[in-house]
Amino acid sequence: MLPAGIAGVTVEKLDRIYFCTECKTVFLFKLDASDHKKESGHTQLREMPFEG
């Protein structure tokens, strides 16, 4: 856990999942999905918001 008050830290709201339709991998964070896209060359990523 990060200490409170660290300047420059961005906290992503967990309100959706990211899904690669090519290899069926699921990500909670946009940065992880973006890294996967760059590293794997997969281009078919989808966002699915949580319902509630």
PDB file of N, CA and C in Angstrom:
ATOM      1  N   MET A   1       0.840  -1.182   0.000  1.00  0.00           N
ATOM      2  CA  MET A   1       0.000   0.000   0.000  1.00  0.00           C
ATOM      3  C   MET A   1       0.879   1.237   0.000  1.00  0.00           C
ATOM      4  N   LEU A   2       0.522   2.212  -0.811  1.00  0.00           N
ATOM      5  CA  LEU A   2       1.298   3.443  -0.884  1.00  0.00           C
ATOM      6  C   LEU A   2       0.914   4.393   0.235  1.00  0.00           C
ATOM      7  N   PRO A   3       1.899   5.102   0.794  1.00  0.00           N
ATOM      8  CA  PRO A   3       1.589   6.099   1.813  1.00  0.00           C
ATOM      9  C   PRO A   3       0.751   7.230   1.228  1.00  0.00           C
ATOM     10  N   ALA A   4      -0.127   7.776   2.030  1.00  0.00           N
ATOM     11  CA  ALA A   4      -0.966   8.894   1.585  1.00  0.00           C
ATOM     12  C   ALA A   4      -0.107  10.123   1.352  1.00  0.00           C
ATOM     13  N   GLY A   5      -0.504  10.924   0.371  1.00  0.00           N
ATOM     14  CA  GLY A   5       0.161  12.204   0.137  1.00  0.00           C
ATOM     15  C   GLY A   5       1.352  12.164  -0.791  1.00  0.00           C
ATOM     16  N   ILE A   6       1.566  11.097  -1.522  1.00  0.00           N
ATOM     17  CA  ILE A   6       2.684  11.043  -2.459  1.00  0.00           C
ATOM     18  C   ILE A   6       2.302  11.836  -3.710  1.00  0.00           C
ATOM     19  N   ALA A   7       3.098  12.842  -4.014  1.00  0.00           N
ATOM     20  CA  ALA A   7       2.819  13.689  -5.177  1.00  0.00           C
ATOM     21  C   ALA A   7       3.056  12.919  -6.469  1.00  0.00           C
ATOM     22  N   GLY A   8       2.164  13.120  -7.438  1.00  0.00           N
ATOM     23  CA  GLY A   8       2.340  12.527  -8.748  1.00  0.00           C
ATOM     24  C   GLY A   8       1.783  11.126  -8.899  1.00  0.00           C
ATOM     25  N   VAL A   9       1.196  10.572  -7.855  1.00  0.00           N
ATOM     26  CA  VAL A   9       0.626   9.230  -7.939  1.00  0.00           C
ATOM     27  C   VAL A   9      -0.797   9.334  -8.475  1.00  0.00           C
ATOM     28  N   THR A  10      -1.077   8.578  -9.509  1.00  0.00           N
ATOM     29  CA  THR A  10      -2.415   8.540 -10.074  1.00  0.00           C
ATOM     30  C   THR A  10      -3.084   7.233  -9.668  1.00  0.00           C
ATOM     31  N   VAL A  11      -4.281   7.338  -9.135  1.00  0.00           N
ATOM     32  CA  VAL A  11      -5.032   6.166  -8.719  1.00  0.00           C
ATOM     33  C   VAL A  11      -6.152   5.950  -9.729  1.00  0.00           C
ATOM     34  N   GLU A  12      -6.157   4.773 -10.337  1.00  0.00           N
ATOM     35  CA  GLU A  12      -7.175   4.447 -11.334  1.00  0.00           C
ATOM     36  C   GLU A  12      -8.408   3.879 -10.636  1.00  0.00           C
ATOM     37  N   LYS A  13      -9.569   4.392 -10.990  1.00  0.00           N
ATOM     38  CA  LYS A  13     -10.827   3.890 -10.454  1.00  0.00           C
ATOM     39  C   LYS A  13     -11.123   2.533 -11.088  1.00  0.00           C
ATOM     40  N   LEU A  14     -11.391   1.533 -10.265  1.00  0.00           N
ATOM     41  CA  LEU A  14     -11.667   0.198 -10.777  1.00  0.00           C
ATOM     42  C   LEU A  14     -13.162   0.074 -11.073  1.00  0.00           C
ATOM     43  N   ASP A  15     -13.550   0.522 -12.264  1.00  0.00           N
ATOM     44  CA  ASP A  15     -14.961   0.486 -12.643  1.00  0.00           C
ATOM     45  C   ASP A  15     -15.193  -0.294 -13.932  1.00  0.00           C
ATOM     46  N   ARG A  16     -14.149  -0.959 -14.420  1.00  0.00           N
ATOM     47  CA  ARG A  16     -14.274  -1.730 -15.657  1.00  0.00           C
ATOM     48  C   ARG A  16     -13.150  -2.749 -15.736  1.00  0.00           C
ATOM     49  N   ILE A  17     -13.314  -3.712 -16.643  1.00  0.00           N
ATOM     50  CA  ILE A  17     -12.233  -4.642 -16.947  1.00  0.00           C
ATOM     51  C   ILE A  17     -11.869  -4.471 -18.412  1.00  0.00           C
ATOM     52  N   TYR A  18     -10.674  -4.878 -18.735  1.00  0.00           N
ATOM     53  CA  TYR A  18     -10.166  -4.816 -20.106  1.00  0.00           C
ATOM     54  C   TYR A  18      -9.937  -6.254 -20.546  1.00  0.00           C
ATOM     55  N   PHE A  19     -10.383  -6.585 -21.752  1.00  0.00           N
ATOM     56  CA  PHE A  19     -10.404  -7.960 -22.216  1.00  0.00           C
ATOM     57  C   PHE A  19      -9.790  -8.051 -23.606  1.00  0.00           C
ATOM     58  N   CYS A  20      -8.791  -8.926 -23.755  1.00  0.00           N
ATOM     59  CA  CYS A  20      -8.178  -9.170 -25.064  1.00  0.00           C
ATOM     60  C   CYS A  20      -8.961 -10.282 -25.748  1.00  0.00           C
ATOM     61  N   THR A  21      -9.608  -9.955 -26.844  1.00  0.00           N
ATOM     62  CA  THR A  21     -10.421 -10.955 -27.547  1.00  0.00           C
ATOM     63  C   THR A  21      -9.565 -11.950 -28.322  1.00  0.00           C
ATOM     64  N   GLU A  22      -8.290 -11.647 -28.491  1.00  0.00           N
ATOM     65  CA  GLU A  22      -7.410 -12.545 -29.243  1.00  0.00           C
ATOM     66  C   GLU A  22      -6.876 -13.693 -28.389  1.00  0.00           C
ATOM     67  N   CYS A  23      -6.534 -13.415 -27.132  1.00  0.00           N
ATOM     68  CA  CYS A  23      -5.975 -14.470 -26.273  1.00  0.00           C
ATOM     69  C   CYS A  23      -6.791 -14.693 -24.998  1.00  0.00           C
ATOM     70  N   LYS A  24      -7.889 -13.947 -24.868  1.00  0.00           N
ATOM     71  CA  LYS A  24      -8.828 -14.103 -23.743  1.00  0.00           C
ATOM     72  C   LYS A  24      -8.246 -13.711 -22.389  1.00  0.00           C
ATOM     73  N   THR A  25      -7.248 -12.840 -22.379  1.00  0.00           N
ATOM     74  CA  THR A  25      -6.664 -12.371 -21.128  1.00  0.00           C
ATOM     75  C   THR A  25      -7.472 -11.189 -20.610  1.00  0.00           C
ATOM     76  N   VAL A  26      -7.654 -11.126 -19.292  1.00  0.00           N
ATOM     77  CA  VAL A  26      -8.428 -10.063 -18.653  1.00  0.00           C
ATOM     78  C   VAL A  26      -7.489  -9.218 -17.801  1.00  0.00           C
ATOM     79  N   PHE A  27      -7.692  -7.897 -17.843  1.00  0.00           N
ATOM     80  CA  PHE A  27      -6.880  -6.948 -17.086  1.00  0.00           C
ATOM     81  C   PHE A  27      -7.774  -6.038 -16.262  1.00  0.00           C
ATOM     82  N   LEU A  28      -7.322  -5.658 -15.078  1.00  0.00           N
ATOM     83  CA  LEU A  28      -8.061  -4.711 -14.243  1.00  0.00           C
ATOM     84  C   LEU A  28      -7.621  -3.278 -14.493  1.00  0.00           C
ATOM     85  N   PHE A  29      -6.400  -3.101 -14.954  1.00  0.00           N
ATOM     86  CA  PHE A  29      -5.856  -1.760 -15.118  1.00  0.00           C
ATOM     87  C   PHE A  29      -5.602  -1.453 -16.586  1.00  0.00           C
ATOM     88  N   LYS A  30      -5.922  -0.240 -16.975  1.00  0.00           N
ATOM     89  CA  LYS A  30      -5.751   0.198 -18.365  1.00  0.00           C
ATOM     90  C   LYS A  30      -4.284   0.114 -18.792  1.00  0.00           C
ATOM     91  N   LEU A  31      -3.375   0.459 -17.897  1.00  0.00           N
ATOM     92  CA  LEU A  31      -1.946   0.411 -18.210  1.00  0.00           C
ATOM     93  C   LEU A  31      -1.502  -1.014 -18.529  1.00  0.00           C
ATOM     94  N   ASP A  32      -2.001  -1.990 -17.783  1.00  0.00           N
ATOM     95  CA  ASP A  32      -1.653  -3.392 -18.050  1.00  0.00           C
ATOM     96  C   ASP A  32      -2.172  -3.830 -19.413  1.00  0.00           C
ATOM     97  N   ALA A  33      -3.393  -3.421 -19.752  1.00  0.00           N
ATOM     98  CA  ALA A  33      -3.961  -3.769 -21.058  1.00  0.00           C
ATOM     99  C   ALA A  33      -3.162  -3.106 -22.174  1.00  0.00           C
ATOM    100  N   SER A  34      -2.763  -1.869 -21.956  1.00  0.00           N
ATOM    101  CA  SER A  34      -1.965  -1.149 -22.946  1.00  0.00           C
ATOM    102  C   SER A  34      -0.601  -1.815 -23.144  1.00  0.00           C
ATOM    103  N   ASP A  35       0.020  -2.216 -22.046  1.00  0.00           N
ATOM    104  CA  ASP A  35       1.311  -2.921 -22.130  1.00  0.00           C
ATOM    105  C   ASP A  35       1.155  -4.235 -22.891  1.00  0.00           C
ATOM    106  N   HIS A  36       0.073  -4.950 -22.628  1.00  0.00           N
ATOM    107  CA  HIS A  36      -0.194  -6.211 -23.328  1.00  0.00           C
ATOM    108  C   HIS A  36      -0.318  -5.973 -24.827  1.00  0.00           C
ATOM    109  N   LYS A  37      -1.016  -4.929 -25.183  1.00  0.00           N
ATOM    110  CA  LYS A  37      -1.204  -4.588 -26.599  1.00  0.00           C
ATOM    111  C   LYS A  37       0.142  -4.333 -27.281  1.00  0.00           C
ATOM    112  N   LYS A  38       1.004  -3.577 -26.608  1.00  0.00           N
ATOM    113  CA  LYS A  38       2.325  -3.261 -27.163  1.00  0.00           C
ATOM    114  C   LYS A  38       3.214  -4.500 -27.258  1.00  0.00           C
ATOM    115  N   GLU A  39       3.223  -5.312 -26.208  1.00  0.00           N
ATOM    116  CA  GLU A  39       4.122  -6.458 -26.144  1.00  0.00           C
ATOM    117  C   GLU A  39       3.674  -7.627 -27.015  1.00  0.00           C
ATOM    118  N   SER A  40       2.362  -7.830 -27.127  1.00  0.00           N
ATOM    119  CA  SER A  40       1.852  -8.991 -27.850  1.00  0.00           C
ATOM    120  C   SER A  40       1.496  -8.692 -29.302  1.00  0.00           C
ATOM    121  N   GLY A  41       1.235  -7.406 -29.590  1.00  0.00           N
ATOM    122  CA  GLY A  41       0.781  -7.048 -30.927  1.00  0.00           C
ATOM    123  C   GLY A  41      -0.710  -7.260 -31.120  1.00  0.00           C
ATOM    124  N   HIS A  42      -1.386  -7.689 -30.062  1.00  0.00           N
ATOM    125  CA  HIS A  42      -2.834  -7.879 -30.142  1.00  0.00           C
ATOM    126  C   HIS A  42      -3.516  -6.514 -30.192  1.00  0.00           C
ATOM    127  N   THR A  43      -4.484  -6.388 -31.074  1.00  0.00           N
ATOM    128  CA  THR A  43      -5.143  -5.092 -31.247  1.00  0.00           C
ATOM    129  C   THR A  43      -6.612  -5.104 -30.858  1.00  0.00           C
ATOM    130  N   GLN A  44      -7.146  -6.278 -30.559  1.00  0.00           N
ATOM    131  CA  GLN A  44      -8.575  -6.404 -30.267  1.00  0.00           C
ATOM    132  C   GLN A  44      -8.835  -6.415 -28.761  1.00  0.00           C
ATOM    133  N   LEU A  45      -8.649  -5.276 -28.103  1.00  0.00           N
ATOM    134  CA  LEU A  45      -8.936  -5.157 -26.687  1.00  0.00           C
ATOM    135  C   LEU A  45     -10.264  -4.434 -26.505  1.00  0.00           C
ATOM    136  N   ARG A  46     -11.057  -4.908 -25.575  1.00  0.00           N
ATOM    137  CA  ARG A  46     -12.371  -4.344 -25.292  1.00  0.00           C
ATOM    138  C   ARG A  46     -12.442  -3.906 -23.833  1.00  0.00           C
ATOM    139  N   GLU A  47     -13.247  -2.887 -23.574  1.00  0.00           N
ATOM    140  CA  GLU A  47     -13.520  -2.438 -22.208  1.00  0.00           C
ATOM    141  C   GLU A  47     -14.935  -2.868 -21.853  1.00  0.00           C
ATOM    142  N   MET A  48     -15.079  -3.405 -20.642  1.00  0.00           N
ATOM    143  CA  MET A  48     -16.406  -3.785 -20.173  1.00  0.00           C
ATOM    144  C   MET A  48     -16.612  -3.181 -18.787  1.00  0.00           C
ATOM    145  N   PRO A  49     -17.525  -2.215 -18.671  1.00  0.00           N
ATOM    146  CA  PRO A  49     -17.772  -1.599 -17.358  1.00  0.00           C
ATOM    147  C   PRO A  49     -18.479  -2.568 -16.406  1.00  0.00           C
ATOM    148  N   PHE A  50     -18.192  -2.411 -15.135  1.00  0.00           N
ATOM    149  CA  PHE A  50     -18.929  -3.182 -14.122  1.00  0.00           C
ATOM    150  C   PHE A  50     -20.334  -2.610 -14.052  1.00  0.00           C
ATOM    151  N   GLU A  51     -21.297  -3.470 -13.886  1.00  0.00           N
ATOM    152  CA  GLU A  51     -22.674  -3.009 -13.728  1.00  0.00           C
ATOM    153  C   GLU A  51     -22.979  -2.956 -12.250  1.00  0.00           C
ATOM    154  N   GLY A  52     -23.794  -2.003 -11.864  1.00  0.00           N
ATOM    155  CA  GLY A  52     -24.115  -1.976 -10.454  1.00  0.00           C
ATOM    156  C   GLY A  52     -24.778  -0.747 -10.103  1.00  0.00           C
TER     157      GLY A  52
END
